[in-house]
N, C-alpha and C. Protein backbone atom coordinates (compact mmCIF):
# COMPACT_ATOMS: atom_id res chain seq x y z
N UNK A 1 -14.71 5.99 -11.25
CA UNK A 1 -14.97 5.31 -9.93
C UNK A 1 -14.48 6.24 -8.82
N UNK A 2 -15.11 6.16 -7.59
CA UNK A 2 -14.70 6.80 -6.43
C UNK A 2 -13.84 5.84 -5.76
N UNK A 3 -12.59 6.20 -5.47
CA UNK A 3 -11.57 5.39 -4.94
C UNK A 3 -11.40 5.65 -3.43
N UNK A 4 -11.78 4.61 -2.55
CA UNK A 4 -11.58 4.67 -1.10
C UNK A 4 -10.30 3.87 -0.70
N UNK A 5 -9.60 4.27 0.35
CA UNK A 5 -8.45 3.52 0.69
C UNK A 5 -7.26 3.93 -0.05
N UNK A 6 -7.30 5.01 -0.73
CA UNK A 6 -6.13 5.57 -1.55
C UNK A 6 -4.87 5.64 -0.68
N UNK A 7 -5.02 5.96 0.63
CA UNK A 7 -3.94 6.09 1.45
C UNK A 7 -2.85 4.88 1.56
N UNK A 8 -3.54 3.73 1.36
CA UNK A 8 -2.70 2.45 1.34
C UNK A 8 -1.73 2.45 0.17
N UNK A 9 -2.21 2.92 -1.00
CA UNK A 9 -1.30 3.05 -2.20
C UNK A 9 -0.33 4.13 -1.96
N UNK A 10 -0.78 5.23 -1.43
CA UNK A 10 0.20 6.45 -1.17
C UNK A 10 1.34 5.89 -0.26
N UNK A 11 1.02 5.11 0.84
CA UNK A 11 1.99 4.63 1.77
C UNK A 11 2.93 3.70 1.13
N UNK A 12 2.37 2.84 0.28
CA UNK A 12 3.17 1.74 -0.43
C UNK A 12 4.14 2.46 -1.40
N UNK A 13 3.63 3.46 -2.08
CA UNK A 13 4.58 4.24 -3.06
C UNK A 13 5.76 4.87 -2.33
N UNK A 14 5.46 5.36 -1.13
CA UNK A 14 6.55 5.93 -0.31
C UNK A 14 7.55 4.89 0.04
N UNK A 15 7.16 3.75 0.32
CA UNK A 15 8.06 2.73 0.73
C UNK A 15 8.69 2.07 -0.56
N UNK A 16 8.03 2.00 -1.64
CA UNK A 16 8.54 1.41 -2.90
C UNK A 16 8.54 2.45 -4.00
N UNK A 17 9.52 3.25 -4.03
CA UNK A 17 9.53 4.37 -4.92
C UNK A 17 9.38 3.87 -6.42
N UNK A 18 9.94 2.78 -6.79
CA UNK A 18 9.83 2.33 -8.22
C UNK A 18 8.38 2.00 -8.62
N UNK A 19 7.46 1.85 -7.67
CA UNK A 19 6.09 1.49 -7.94
C UNK A 19 5.25 2.71 -8.37
N UNK A 20 5.83 3.89 -8.06
CA UNK A 20 5.01 5.16 -8.18
C UNK A 20 4.54 5.36 -9.67
N UNK A 21 5.38 5.33 -10.73
CA UNK A 21 4.78 5.53 -12.10
C UNK A 21 3.66 4.60 -12.41
N UNK A 22 3.74 3.35 -12.26
CA UNK A 22 2.76 2.37 -12.63
C UNK A 22 1.51 2.40 -11.71
N UNK A 23 1.67 2.72 -10.39
CA UNK A 23 0.49 2.72 -9.51
C UNK A 23 -0.21 4.07 -9.65
N UNK A 24 0.49 5.07 -9.98
CA UNK A 24 -0.18 6.38 -10.25
C UNK A 24 -0.96 6.26 -11.48
N UNK A 25 -0.44 5.68 -12.50
CA UNK A 25 -1.15 5.54 -13.79
C UNK A 25 -2.38 4.65 -13.60
N UNK A 26 -2.28 3.56 -12.81
CA UNK A 26 -3.37 2.76 -12.51
C UNK A 26 -4.52 3.53 -11.72
N UNK A 27 -4.06 4.30 -10.74
CA UNK A 27 -4.98 5.12 -9.95
C UNK A 27 -5.74 6.15 -10.85
N UNK A 28 -5.07 6.76 -11.79
CA UNK A 28 -5.59 7.72 -12.75
C UNK A 28 -6.64 6.94 -13.53
N UNK A 29 -6.26 5.80 -14.10
CA UNK A 29 -7.14 5.14 -14.88
C UNK A 29 -8.40 4.62 -14.13
N UNK A 30 -8.29 4.13 -13.03
CA UNK A 30 -9.38 3.64 -12.17
C UNK A 30 -10.34 4.76 -11.81
N UNK A 31 -9.71 6.03 -11.52
CA UNK A 31 -10.60 7.02 -11.14
C UNK A 31 -11.45 7.53 -12.30
N UNK A 32 -11.02 7.47 -13.51
CA UNK A 32 -11.81 7.94 -14.60
C UNK A 32 -12.63 6.81 -15.17
N UNK A 33 -12.43 5.60 -14.86
CA UNK A 33 -13.22 4.44 -15.36
C UNK A 33 -14.66 4.46 -14.86
N UNK A 34 -15.45 3.80 -15.65
CA UNK A 34 -16.90 3.65 -15.26
C UNK A 34 -17.23 2.15 -15.45
N UNK A 35 -16.67 1.44 -14.57
CA UNK A 35 -16.80 -0.03 -14.62
C UNK A 35 -18.19 -0.44 -14.06
N UNK A 36 -19.00 -1.01 -14.88
CA UNK A 36 -20.29 -1.50 -14.46
C UNK A 36 -20.50 -2.99 -14.27
N UNK A 37 -19.52 -3.72 -14.91
CA UNK A 37 -19.43 -5.13 -14.86
C UNK A 37 -18.04 -5.59 -14.80
N UNK A 38 -17.83 -6.88 -14.36
CA UNK A 38 -16.46 -7.47 -14.37
C UNK A 38 -15.92 -7.45 -15.82
N UNK A 39 -16.77 -7.66 -16.77
CA UNK A 39 -16.31 -7.58 -18.21
C UNK A 39 -15.68 -6.26 -18.57
N UNK A 40 -16.21 -5.15 -18.08
CA UNK A 40 -15.66 -3.81 -18.32
C UNK A 40 -14.16 -3.79 -17.79
N UNK A 41 -13.87 -4.44 -16.61
CA UNK A 41 -12.51 -4.48 -16.13
C UNK A 41 -11.69 -5.44 -17.01
N UNK A 42 -12.23 -6.56 -17.31
CA UNK A 42 -11.48 -7.46 -18.17
C UNK A 42 -11.12 -6.92 -19.52
N UNK A 43 -11.98 -6.10 -20.06
CA UNK A 43 -11.65 -5.51 -21.41
C UNK A 43 -10.55 -4.57 -21.30
N UNK A 44 -10.35 -3.98 -20.16
CA UNK A 44 -9.12 -3.05 -19.95
C UNK A 44 -7.85 -3.70 -19.35
N UNK A 45 -8.10 -4.67 -18.43
CA UNK A 45 -7.13 -5.28 -17.76
C UNK A 45 -7.21 -6.79 -17.89
N UNK A 46 -6.65 -7.37 -18.90
CA UNK A 46 -6.72 -8.84 -19.30
C UNK A 46 -6.22 -9.67 -18.05
N UNK A 47 -5.27 -9.12 -17.35
CA UNK A 47 -4.58 -9.99 -16.28
C UNK A 47 -5.34 -9.93 -14.94
N UNK A 48 -6.42 -9.16 -14.87
CA UNK A 48 -7.16 -9.06 -13.71
C UNK A 48 -7.91 -10.36 -13.25
N UNK A 49 -7.66 -10.72 -11.98
CA UNK A 49 -8.33 -11.92 -11.51
C UNK A 49 -9.53 -11.51 -10.55
N UNK A 50 -10.66 -12.34 -10.70
CA UNK A 50 -11.75 -12.00 -9.92
C UNK A 50 -11.95 -13.10 -8.88
N UNK A 51 -12.25 -12.53 -7.69
CA UNK A 51 -12.38 -13.30 -6.50
C UNK A 51 -13.85 -13.28 -5.99
N UNK A 52 -14.27 -14.05 -5.10
CA UNK A 52 -15.75 -13.95 -4.60
C UNK A 52 -15.93 -12.58 -3.90
N UNK A 53 -17.15 -12.27 -3.82
CA UNK A 53 -17.55 -11.03 -3.12
C UNK A 53 -17.14 -9.70 -3.87
N UNK A 54 -17.10 -9.78 -5.14
CA UNK A 54 -16.82 -8.55 -5.92
C UNK A 54 -15.34 -7.99 -5.76
N UNK A 55 -14.49 -8.88 -5.37
CA UNK A 55 -13.09 -8.48 -5.18
C UNK A 55 -12.34 -8.81 -6.50
N UNK A 56 -11.34 -7.86 -6.83
CA UNK A 56 -10.61 -7.98 -8.03
C UNK A 56 -9.19 -7.86 -7.68
N UNK A 57 -8.27 -8.69 -8.27
CA UNK A 57 -6.85 -8.49 -8.05
C UNK A 57 -6.24 -7.99 -9.34
N UNK A 58 -5.67 -6.89 -9.30
CA UNK A 58 -4.94 -6.27 -10.48
C UNK A 58 -3.47 -6.43 -10.38
N UNK A 59 -2.91 -6.84 -11.48
CA UNK A 59 -1.44 -6.92 -11.60
C UNK A 59 -0.97 -5.64 -12.16
N UNK A 60 -0.02 -4.99 -11.52
CA UNK A 60 0.39 -3.60 -11.85
C UNK A 60 1.96 -3.70 -11.97
N UNK A 61 2.37 -2.82 -13.03
CA UNK A 61 3.78 -2.61 -13.17
C UNK A 61 4.47 -3.91 -13.71
N UNK A 62 3.97 -4.45 -14.72
CA UNK A 62 4.60 -5.62 -15.26
C UNK A 62 4.59 -6.84 -14.37
N UNK A 63 3.51 -6.98 -13.66
CA UNK A 63 3.32 -8.06 -12.64
C UNK A 63 4.20 -7.95 -11.49
N UNK A 64 4.72 -6.74 -11.10
CA UNK A 64 5.60 -6.58 -10.02
C UNK A 64 4.72 -6.34 -8.71
N UNK A 65 3.57 -5.81 -8.91
CA UNK A 65 2.74 -5.33 -7.74
C UNK A 65 1.27 -5.94 -7.93
N UNK A 66 0.65 -6.13 -6.73
CA UNK A 66 -0.81 -6.55 -6.82
C UNK A 66 -1.59 -5.64 -5.93
N UNK A 67 -2.76 -5.30 -6.50
CA UNK A 67 -3.70 -4.44 -5.68
C UNK A 67 -4.93 -5.25 -5.65
N UNK A 68 -5.50 -5.53 -4.43
CA UNK A 68 -6.84 -6.13 -4.26
C UNK A 68 -7.82 -5.12 -3.83
N UNK A 69 -8.89 -5.07 -4.64
CA UNK A 69 -9.97 -4.07 -4.43
C UNK A 69 -11.33 -4.79 -4.33
N UNK A 70 -12.19 -4.05 -3.60
CA UNK A 70 -13.59 -4.56 -3.52
C UNK A 70 -14.38 -3.49 -4.39
N UNK A 71 -15.16 -3.94 -5.27
CA UNK A 71 -15.84 -3.06 -6.21
C UNK A 71 -17.35 -3.15 -5.81
N UNK A 72 -17.98 -1.96 -5.86
CA UNK A 72 -19.39 -1.75 -5.79
C UNK A 72 -19.82 -1.20 -7.11
N UNK A 73 -20.16 -2.02 -8.01
CA UNK A 73 -20.37 -1.62 -9.43
C UNK A 73 -21.54 -0.62 -9.53
N UNK A 74 -22.61 -0.92 -8.78
CA UNK A 74 -23.79 -0.03 -8.89
C UNK A 74 -23.53 1.41 -8.38
N UNK A 75 -22.66 1.51 -7.36
CA UNK A 75 -22.43 2.74 -6.74
C UNK A 75 -21.10 3.47 -7.25
N UNK A 76 -20.42 2.70 -8.14
CA UNK A 76 -19.10 3.28 -8.65
C UNK A 76 -18.04 3.48 -7.68
N UNK A 77 -18.02 2.58 -6.70
CA UNK A 77 -16.91 2.73 -5.64
C UNK A 77 -16.04 1.54 -5.63
N UNK A 78 -14.74 1.93 -5.48
CA UNK A 78 -13.68 0.91 -5.51
C UNK A 78 -12.99 1.08 -4.24
N UNK A 79 -12.90 0.06 -3.36
CA UNK A 79 -12.11 0.07 -2.08
C UNK A 79 -10.92 -0.62 -2.20
N UNK A 80 -9.77 0.00 -1.95
CA UNK A 80 -8.48 -0.65 -1.94
C UNK A 80 -8.34 -1.47 -0.68
N UNK A 81 -8.26 -2.81 -0.73
CA UNK A 81 -8.10 -3.67 0.43
C UNK A 81 -6.74 -3.96 0.83
N UNK A 82 -5.94 -4.19 -0.25
CA UNK A 82 -4.54 -4.71 0.05
C UNK A 82 -3.71 -4.38 -1.16
N UNK A 83 -2.44 -4.14 -0.86
CA UNK A 83 -1.45 -3.80 -1.89
C UNK A 83 -0.17 -4.36 -1.52
N UNK A 84 0.59 -5.05 -2.44
CA UNK A 84 1.92 -5.57 -2.09
C UNK A 84 2.66 -5.90 -3.31
N UNK A 85 3.86 -6.37 -3.00
CA UNK A 85 4.78 -6.86 -4.19
C UNK A 85 4.28 -8.21 -4.65
N UNK A 86 4.76 -8.70 -5.74
CA UNK A 86 4.45 -9.93 -6.17
C UNK A 86 4.81 -11.12 -5.13
N UNK A 87 5.91 -10.96 -4.55
CA UNK A 87 6.40 -11.83 -3.50
C UNK A 87 5.50 -11.85 -2.22
N UNK A 88 5.09 -10.73 -1.93
CA UNK A 88 4.12 -10.53 -0.77
C UNK A 88 2.77 -11.13 -1.10
N UNK A 89 2.40 -10.97 -2.23
CA UNK A 89 1.06 -11.47 -2.77
C UNK A 89 0.98 -12.99 -2.65
N UNK A 90 2.04 -13.65 -2.85
CA UNK A 90 2.06 -15.07 -2.83
C UNK A 90 1.90 -15.60 -1.47
N UNK A 91 2.03 -14.84 -0.42
CA UNK A 91 1.83 -15.26 0.88
C UNK A 91 0.43 -14.94 1.53
N UNK A 92 -0.23 -14.11 0.80
CA UNK A 92 -1.61 -13.68 1.20
C UNK A 92 -2.58 -14.85 1.25
N UNK A 93 -3.54 -14.74 2.27
CA UNK A 93 -4.60 -15.80 2.28
C UNK A 93 -5.82 -15.04 1.67
N UNK A 94 -6.17 -15.22 0.45
CA UNK A 94 -7.28 -14.56 -0.14
C UNK A 94 -8.41 -15.63 -0.12
């Protein structure tokens, strides 16, 4: 997948150093993935939640962090829309 909005994750990792190993691993995995359908994601990430408009919420780092992405399956593009801690996520209006 082509990842757009990577700078949001980079900024988050600078602020939350403990998130770096798990978020870096997720980025590497997402970049090499070839997700064509939501089921492809669910097969790899059982805890992923699917929202309207081809948005997906990934639980990263043992449920400590949340990444919300918009996926264009046909184009192979993943746009990072929002990232936060579990506590921050509970306050988001998705």
